[in-house]
Protein backbone atom coordinates (compact mmCIF):
# COMPACT_ATOMS: atom_id res chain seq x y z
CA MET A 1 -31.08 14.73 -13.12
CA LYS A 2 -34.57 13.29 -13.52
CA LYS A 3 -36.72 14.68 -16.31
CA LEU A 4 -39.03 17.60 -15.71
CA SER A 5 -42.78 17.53 -16.13
CA ASP A 6 -44.16 17.33 -19.66
CA ALA A 7 -46.03 20.56 -18.85
CA THR A 8 -42.74 22.39 -19.43
CA LEU A 9 -42.82 21.25 -23.06
CA LEU A 10 -45.75 23.51 -23.94
CA PRO A 11 -44.69 25.58 -26.95
CA GLN A 12 -44.50 29.35 -26.95
CA SER A 13 -47.58 30.87 -28.55
CA GLY A 14 -47.34 32.40 -32.02
CA ILE A 15 -48.69 35.63 -30.55
CA ARG A 16 -45.91 35.90 -27.98
CA ARG A 17 -43.35 34.99 -30.62
CA MET A 18 -44.40 37.92 -32.81
CA PHE A 19 -44.37 40.19 -29.76
CA ASP A 20 -40.80 39.12 -28.97
CA LEU A 21 -39.66 39.59 -32.58
CA ALA A 22 -40.96 43.16 -32.52
CA LYS A 23 -39.86 44.34 -29.09
CA ASN A 24 -36.42 45.63 -30.12
CA LYS A 25 -37.55 47.22 -33.38
CA GLU A 26 -38.22 50.95 -33.70
CA ASP A 27 -41.30 52.64 -35.18
CA THR A 28 -43.51 49.58 -34.99
CA ILE A 29 -47.30 49.51 -34.92
CA SER A 30 -48.71 46.65 -32.92
CA PHE A 31 -52.04 44.96 -33.57
CA VAL A 32 -50.95 41.77 -31.82
CA LEU A 33 -52.06 41.89 -28.17
CA GLY A 34 -55.67 41.60 -27.07
CA GLU A 35 -55.63 44.23 -24.34
CA PRO A 36 -57.81 47.34 -23.97
CA ASP A 37 -55.85 50.56 -24.42
CA PHE A 38 -58.07 52.31 -21.87
CA ASP A 39 -57.13 52.96 -18.26
CA THR A 40 -59.23 51.45 -15.49
CA PRO A 41 -62.14 53.82 -14.64
CA LYS A 42 -61.32 56.21 -11.81
CA ASN A 43 -64.28 55.17 -9.66
CA VAL A 44 -62.91 51.62 -9.62
CA ILE A 45 -59.44 52.81 -8.62
CA LYS A 46 -60.91 54.96 -5.86
CA ALA A 47 -62.92 52.02 -4.52
CA ALA A 48 -59.76 49.90 -4.31
CA GLN A 49 -57.87 52.75 -2.65
CA LYS A 50 -60.66 53.14 -0.09
CA ALA A 51 -60.52 49.41 0.65
CA LEU A 52 -56.77 49.67 1.25
CA GLU A 53 -57.22 52.63 3.58
CA GLU A 54 -59.88 50.70 5.50
CA GLY A 55 -57.52 47.79 6.07
CA GLN A 56 -58.83 45.36 3.45
CA THR A 57 -55.41 43.78 3.08
CA HIS A 58 -56.03 40.35 4.59
CA TYR A 59 -57.06 36.95 3.26
CA THR A 60 -60.64 36.52 2.10
CA ASP A 61 -62.77 33.41 1.73
CA ASN A 62 -61.28 31.12 -0.89
CA ALA A 63 -64.38 31.73 -2.99
CA GLY A 64 -63.99 35.53 -2.82
CA ILE A 65 -65.70 38.26 -0.83
CA LEU A 66 -69.46 37.87 -0.60
CA PRO A 67 -70.26 41.44 -1.82
CA LEU A 68 -68.46 40.64 -5.09
CA ARG A 69 -70.19 37.31 -5.52
CA GLN A 70 -73.51 39.05 -4.87
CA ALA A 71 -72.72 41.70 -7.49
CA ILE A 72 -71.84 38.97 -9.99
CA ALA A 73 -75.10 37.16 -9.22
CA ARG A 74 -77.13 40.34 -9.82
CA GLU A 75 -75.31 41.03 -13.07
CA THR A 76 -75.71 37.53 -14.49
CA LYS A 77 -79.40 37.43 -13.57
CA LYS A 78 -79.99 40.76 -15.32
CA TYR A 79 -77.75 40.34 -18.38
CA ASP A 80 -77.54 36.58 -18.86
CA HIS A 81 -80.97 35.60 -17.52
CA VAL A 82 -79.38 32.95 -15.33
CA ALA A 83 -79.80 32.95 -11.53
CA TYR A 84 -76.80 31.86 -9.45
CA ASN A 85 -76.60 31.55 -5.68
CA PRO A 86 -73.66 33.72 -4.56
CA GLU A 87 -73.09 31.47 -1.55
CA ASN A 88 -72.14 28.31 -3.43
CA GLU A 89 -72.47 28.80 -7.20
CA ILE A 90 -69.92 31.58 -7.83
CA LEU A 91 -66.14 31.58 -7.40
CA VAL A 92 -63.89 34.63 -7.77
CA CYS A 93 -60.65 33.78 -9.59
CA THR A 94 -57.32 35.32 -10.54
CA GLY A 95 -58.54 36.41 -13.96
CA GLY A 96 -60.49 34.40 -16.49
CA MET A 97 -57.39 32.28 -17.01
CA GLU A 98 -57.51 30.78 -13.53
CA ALA A 99 -61.26 30.27 -13.93
CA LEU A 100 -60.52 28.21 -17.04
CA TYR A 101 -57.75 26.30 -15.29
CA LEU A 102 -59.88 25.45 -12.26
CA SER A 103 -62.73 24.38 -14.52
CA MET A 104 -60.47 21.93 -16.31
CA ALA A 105 -58.91 20.75 -13.04
CA THR A 106 -62.38 20.04 -11.68
CA LEU A 107 -63.87 18.35 -14.73
CA LEU A 108 -61.03 16.37 -16.30
CA ASP A 109 -59.44 13.04 -15.55
CA PRO A 110 -56.36 11.96 -17.54
CA GLY A 111 -57.30 11.20 -21.15
CA ASP A 112 -60.65 13.02 -21.10
CA GLU A 113 -61.29 14.86 -24.36
CA VAL A 114 -62.34 18.49 -24.71
CA LEU A 115 -63.88 19.73 -27.97
CA ILE A 116 -62.56 23.15 -28.98
CA SER A 117 -63.06 25.19 -32.12
CA ASP A 118 -60.25 25.41 -34.67
CA PRO A 119 -59.23 28.24 -34.77
CA CYS A 120 -59.53 29.17 -31.08
CA TYR A 121 -57.81 31.08 -28.29
CA ALA A 122 -54.38 29.49 -28.26
CA ASN A 123 -54.12 29.05 -24.47
CA TYR A 124 -57.02 26.59 -24.46
CA TYR A 125 -54.59 23.93 -25.62
CA GLY A 126 -52.30 24.58 -22.68
CA GLN A 127 -55.11 24.77 -20.13
CA ILE A 128 -56.43 21.37 -21.20
CA SER A 129 -53.05 19.69 -21.55
CA MET A 130 -51.79 20.92 -18.17
CA ASN A 131 -54.78 19.18 -16.61
CA HIS A 132 -53.96 15.94 -18.47
CA GLY A 133 -56.88 16.27 -20.86
CA VAL A 134 -56.81 15.93 -24.64
CA PRO A 135 -57.79 18.94 -26.77
CA VAL A 136 -59.78 17.88 -29.83
CA PRO A 137 -59.97 20.63 -32.47
CA VAL A 138 -63.27 20.86 -34.37
CA PRO A 139 -62.84 22.87 -37.58
CA VAL A 140 -65.03 25.96 -37.95
CA TYR A 141 -65.24 27.81 -41.24
CA GLU A 142 -65.59 31.36 -42.46
CA GLU A 143 -68.70 30.51 -44.48
CA ASN A 144 -70.43 29.42 -41.24
CA GLY A 145 -69.36 32.53 -39.37
CA PHE A 146 -66.57 30.52 -37.66
CA ASN A 147 -69.20 28.81 -35.49
CA PHE A 148 -69.69 25.21 -34.43
CA THR A 149 -72.29 23.18 -36.29
CA TYR A 150 -74.34 20.36 -34.82
CA GLU A 151 -72.99 17.92 -37.42
CA ALA A 152 -69.31 18.73 -36.86
CA LEU A 153 -69.59 18.60 -33.08
CA SER A 154 -71.53 15.34 -33.13
CA GLU A 155 -68.97 13.70 -35.40
CA ALA A 156 -66.14 14.73 -33.07
CA VAL A 157 -67.68 13.10 -29.98
CA THR A 158 -66.09 9.84 -28.79
CA ASP A 159 -66.53 7.74 -25.67
CA LYS A 160 -63.74 9.85 -24.11
CA THR A 161 -65.36 13.23 -24.77
CA LYS A 162 -66.29 15.08 -21.57
CA VAL A 163 -66.40 18.82 -22.29
CA ILE A 164 -67.26 21.31 -25.02
CA LEU A 165 -65.24 24.51 -24.58
CA LEU A 166 -67.14 27.43 -26.07
CA ASN A 167 -65.99 31.04 -26.58
CA SER A 168 -68.49 33.65 -27.79
CA PRO A 169 -67.85 36.39 -28.74
CA CYS A 170 -64.73 34.68 -29.95
CA ASN A 171 -61.03 35.37 -29.89
CA PRO A 172 -59.59 35.28 -32.59
CA THR A 173 -62.44 35.37 -35.13
CA GLY A 174 -64.95 37.78 -33.61
CA ALA A 175 -67.63 35.12 -34.14
CA VAL A 176 -70.83 35.21 -32.10
CA ALA A 177 -72.80 32.06 -31.42
CA GLY A 178 -76.41 33.18 -31.68
CA ARG A 179 -79.43 31.31 -30.35
CA LYS A 180 -79.50 28.68 -33.12
CA VAL A 181 -75.81 27.80 -32.66
CA MET A 182 -76.18 27.74 -28.88
CA GLU A 183 -79.18 25.42 -29.21
CA ASP A 184 -77.18 23.10 -31.46
CA ILE A 185 -74.30 22.98 -28.98
CA ALA A 186 -76.74 22.33 -26.15
CA LYS A 187 -78.34 19.51 -28.14
CA VAL A 188 -74.98 17.78 -28.55
CA ALA A 189 -74.18 18.25 -24.84
CA LEU A 190 -77.52 16.80 -23.77
CA GLU A 191 -77.43 13.89 -26.22
CA HIS A 192 -73.93 12.84 -25.13
CA ASP A 193 -74.02 13.88 -21.46
CA LEU A 194 -71.25 16.47 -21.82
CA TYR A 195 -70.26 19.49 -19.77
CA VAL A 196 -69.93 22.92 -21.39
CA VAL A 197 -67.35 25.48 -20.30
CA TYR A 198 -68.54 28.82 -21.65
CA ASP A 199 -65.91 31.57 -21.89
CA ALA A 200 -67.90 34.81 -22.24
CA VAL A 201 -65.25 37.42 -21.39
CA TYR A 202 -66.16 39.55 -24.44
CA LYS A 203 -69.93 39.43 -23.92
CA HIS A 204 -70.29 43.22 -23.57
CA LEU A 205 -68.58 43.77 -26.94
CA LEU A 206 -71.34 42.64 -29.28
CA TYR A 207 -71.94 44.56 -32.51
CA GLU A 208 -74.23 42.18 -34.39
CA GLY A 209 -76.47 39.33 -33.35
CA GLU A 210 -77.97 38.24 -30.04
CA TYR A 211 -76.13 37.42 -26.83
CA VAL A 212 -77.25 34.09 -25.41
CA ASN A 213 -75.75 32.41 -22.37
CA ILE A 214 -75.99 28.70 -23.06
CA ALA A 215 -76.66 28.10 -19.35
CA ALA A 216 -80.03 29.82 -19.83
CA LEU A 217 -81.23 27.10 -22.23
CA ASP A 218 -83.35 24.22 -20.97
CA GLY A 219 -81.32 21.56 -19.19
CA MET A 220 -78.01 23.42 -19.48
CA LYS A 221 -77.42 25.27 -16.21
CA ASN A 222 -76.57 22.07 -14.33
CA ARG A 223 -73.91 21.09 -16.90
CA THR A 224 -72.40 24.51 -17.74
CA ILE A 225 -69.52 26.38 -16.12
CA TYR A 226 -69.83 30.01 -17.15
CA ILE A 227 -66.68 32.17 -17.11
CA ASP A 228 -66.37 35.94 -17.21
CA SER A 229 -63.80 38.54 -16.24
CA CYS A 230 -63.41 42.22 -15.42
CA SER A 231 -60.33 42.44 -17.65
CA LYS A 232 -61.84 43.33 -21.02
CA THR A 233 -65.18 44.73 -19.83
CA TYR A 234 -63.77 47.32 -17.43
CA ALA A 235 -60.17 47.68 -18.71
CA MET A 236 -58.86 45.83 -15.64
CA THR A 237 -56.43 43.36 -17.21
CA GLY A 238 -53.72 43.90 -14.58
CA TRP A 239 -56.13 43.58 -11.66
CA ARG A 240 -56.58 39.87 -12.39
CA ILE A 241 -60.24 39.56 -11.44
CA GLY A 242 -62.24 36.83 -13.12
CA TYR A 243 -64.99 34.53 -11.96
CA LEU A 244 -66.92 31.41 -12.76
CA ALA A 245 -70.46 30.31 -12.04
CA GLY A 246 -72.20 26.98 -12.25
CA PRO A 247 -74.17 24.34 -10.36
CA ALA A 248 -73.45 24.10 -6.64
CA GLU A 249 -72.43 20.45 -6.86
CA ILE A 250 -69.50 21.52 -9.06
CA VAL A 251 -68.62 25.03 -7.90
CA SER A 252 -68.80 24.20 -4.18
CA LEU A 253 -65.86 21.83 -4.72
CA MET A 254 -63.63 24.53 -6.19
CA PRO A 255 -62.70 26.67 -3.15
CA LYS A 256 -60.41 23.88 -1.91
CA LEU A 257 -58.64 23.97 -5.30
CA GLN A 258 -58.40 27.75 -5.04
CA GLU A 259 -56.86 27.29 -1.57
CA ASN A 260 -54.02 25.33 -3.17
CA VAL A 261 -53.25 27.81 -5.95
CA PRO A 262 -53.50 31.53 -4.95
CA SER A 263 -55.46 30.92 -1.69
CA CYS A 264 -57.65 33.89 -2.60
CA VAL A 265 -57.77 36.77 -5.05
CA THR A 266 -56.18 40.10 -4.02
CA THR A 267 -58.55 41.59 -1.48
CA PHE A 268 -58.60 45.28 -2.39
CA ALA A 269 -58.83 44.38 -6.09
CA GLN A 270 -62.03 42.49 -5.30
CA TYR A 271 -63.52 45.64 -3.79
CA GLY A 272 -62.58 47.51 -6.96
CA ALA A 273 -64.42 44.85 -8.94
CA VAL A 274 -67.54 45.33 -6.82
CA GLU A 275 -67.57 48.99 -7.85
CA ALA A 276 -66.91 48.10 -11.50
CA ILE A 277 -69.80 45.66 -11.72
CA ASN A 278 -72.25 47.74 -9.69
CA ASN A 279 -71.51 51.11 -11.30
CA GLY A 280 -69.67 50.42 -14.54
CA GLN A 281 -72.37 50.83 -17.17
CA ALA A 282 -71.19 54.28 -18.30
CA SER A 283 -67.64 52.99 -18.74
CA ILE A 284 -68.85 49.97 -20.69
CA LYS A 285 -70.84 52.22 -23.03
CA GLU A 286 -67.96 54.65 -23.53
CA MET A 287 -65.49 51.89 -24.43
CA TYR A 288 -68.03 50.02 -26.55
CA ASP A 289 -68.71 53.13 -28.66
CA GLN A 290 -65.01 53.59 -29.35
CA TYR A 291 -64.50 49.92 -30.23
CA ALA A 292 -67.47 50.09 -32.60
CA GLU A 293 -65.96 53.13 -34.34
CA ARG A 294 -62.57 51.43 -34.61
CA ARG A 295 -64.20 48.33 -36.07
CA LYS A 296 -65.94 50.49 -38.68
CA VAL A 297 -62.71 52.26 -39.65
CA LEU A 298 -60.75 49.01 -39.81
CA LEU A 299 -63.30 47.32 -42.08
CA GLU A 300 -63.31 50.38 -44.37
CA CYS A 301 -59.52 50.19 -44.62
CA ILE A 302 -59.59 46.47 -45.40
CA GLU A 303 -62.12 47.08 -48.19
CA LYS A 304 -59.57 49.28 -49.97
CA ILE A 305 -56.88 46.59 -50.05
CA GLY A 306 -56.83 43.96 -52.75
CA LYS A 307 -56.00 40.30 -52.07
CA ILE A 308 -57.27 40.41 -48.47
CA SER A 309 -60.78 40.27 -47.06
CA CYS A 310 -62.55 40.05 -43.73
CA ARG A 311 -65.91 38.76 -42.58
CA PRO A 312 -67.09 41.57 -40.26
CA PRO A 313 -66.49 40.46 -36.66
CA LYS A 314 -69.73 40.38 -34.71
CA GLY A 315 -68.07 40.73 -31.32
CA ALA A 316 -64.85 41.19 -29.29
CA PHE A 317 -62.14 43.47 -30.74
CA TYR A 318 -60.43 41.27 -33.31
CA ALA A 319 -60.56 41.01 -37.08
CA PHE A 320 -59.63 37.66 -38.62
CA ILE A 321 -58.41 38.63 -42.07
CA ASN A 322 -58.26 36.25 -45.01
CA ILE A 323 -54.87 36.58 -46.75
CA LYS A 324 -55.03 33.46 -48.95
CA GLU A 325 -54.95 35.42 -52.22
CA THR A 326 -51.57 36.90 -51.31
CA GLY A 327 -49.95 33.49 -51.74
CA LEU A 328 -48.16 33.76 -48.40
CA GLY A 329 -48.63 31.55 -45.38
CA SER A 330 -49.82 33.30 -42.24
CA THR A 331 -46.46 33.17 -40.43
CA GLU A 332 -44.59 34.23 -43.56
CA PHE A 333 -47.03 37.12 -44.05
CA ALA A 334 -46.70 38.26 -40.43
CA GLU A 335 -42.90 38.07 -40.38
CA GLN A 336 -42.45 39.87 -43.71
CA LEU A 337 -44.97 42.55 -42.71
CA LEU A 338 -43.00 43.18 -39.52
CA GLU A 339 -39.65 43.24 -41.30
CA LYS A 340 -40.70 45.47 -44.20
CA GLU A 341 -43.33 47.76 -42.71
CA GLY A 342 -42.96 47.48 -38.95
CA VAL A 343 -46.51 46.23 -38.31
CA VAL A 344 -47.07 43.43 -35.79
CA VAL A 345 -50.00 41.04 -36.31
CA ALA A 346 -50.72 37.53 -35.11
CA PRO A 347 -50.49 34.73 -37.70
CA GLY A 348 -53.71 32.75 -37.95
CA SER A 349 -51.79 29.50 -37.56
CA ALA A 350 -51.14 30.51 -33.93
CA PHE A 351 -54.80 29.66 -33.27
CA GLY A 352 -54.92 26.23 -34.90
CA GLU A 353 -54.52 24.53 -38.27
CA GLN A 354 -57.69 26.12 -39.64
CA GLY A 355 -56.21 29.54 -38.91
CA GLU A 356 -53.69 29.09 -41.71
CA GLY A 357 -54.40 31.62 -44.44
CA TYR A 358 -55.51 34.30 -41.97
CA ILE A 359 -54.01 36.94 -39.72
CA ARG A 360 -55.55 38.39 -36.56
CA ILE A 361 -55.60 42.11 -35.93
CA SER A 362 -56.58 43.52 -32.55
CA TYR A 363 -58.32 46.86 -32.90
CA ALA A 364 -57.97 47.68 -29.21
CA THR A 365 -56.02 50.77 -30.23
CA SER A 366 -56.74 54.27 -31.51
CA VAL A 367 -58.37 55.12 -34.83
CA GLU A 368 -55.23 57.05 -35.76
CA THR A 369 -53.07 53.98 -35.15
CA ILE A 370 -55.47 51.78 -37.10
CA ARG A 371 -55.36 54.08 -40.14
CA LYS A 372 -51.59 54.38 -40.01
CA GLY A 373 -51.08 50.64 -39.59
CA MET A 374 -53.52 49.74 -42.36
CA GLU A 375 -51.76 52.14 -44.74
CA ARG A 376 -48.57 50.17 -44.11
CA ILE A 377 -50.37 46.87 -44.62
CA GLN A 378 -51.80 48.16 -47.90
CA LYS A 379 -48.32 49.15 -49.02
CA PHE A 380 -46.99 45.71 -48.10
CA VAL A 381 -49.75 43.79 -49.89
CA GLU A 382 -49.42 45.93 -53.02
CA SER A 383 -45.67 45.17 -53.09
CA LEU A 384 -46.23 41.41 -53.30
């Protein structure tokens, strides 16, 4: 038999590995998955049900239904201060993941390099590699808030560099790239004629700092693909509704790629997304307030535990906890914590070499669960 594609050689993520190790164990507390524990708001469900009853069960335009693209355009103009034409500058995708994939498929030729932060969302490596690009990790450090610097980005640029992949607020670190960082990234992109793919799926979960869409900066809209999703913002992970926006000369080419992958996004789910974006502010506020309280409780718990520390995350719902003083590597720490105390966390090494010495905790769970899990972590650390 002839060999299979090299794409099949992508390794299993460290997050999924910990999930699999824990799935047959009893009395476990999981901080490993980045998924809201809220149900989708009822008004969104009712809108999708209404669409089903009205016969919205057929194919849509490859780019998505126009009412949804119009809602996205209104939202980005209001919140991001960037105006997009819903006719040819917005594409509805099967979650933020497909938006990332289509962005890479559109921008990359074989061998093109993409600058990513180290640590970063682990699937970025796969998205780039599956499109025959080369991921180039750029170390980011706790003392800089886990953000890119102009110097580090500039030094990483080669004649093969084509894209900077940016995630703010960030998974796994909770970092937020404020205006100064965004301006530095934009300066590198403009100096070296690079594209920016901006993954902003956590933009409504911002506790400190200023939200800035890099596409709003001078000269950046025509070289930025902006990505967002309903998954985290409206607790719609299973609905698989994401979208991207960018200059017409790029985005107008993408519907034919969409045609060759899912054809279009589930029709009635798109109508649910219209309701979420148009009338979801109360739900956003309700979930935000609970995440903020959970963040506060988690940081208070961490403060009580010796040998570990955490720079307060400015956004998203993750804490990237420094465990270097324990003397354990991140995978060793995570595996022993699961075995001895039944708590599941993601080892920092799952997010890149610079993640070694850290663990990631998702606080997308109840305050009660956070307190109980952190008591077990405290017991584990004190036993070392």
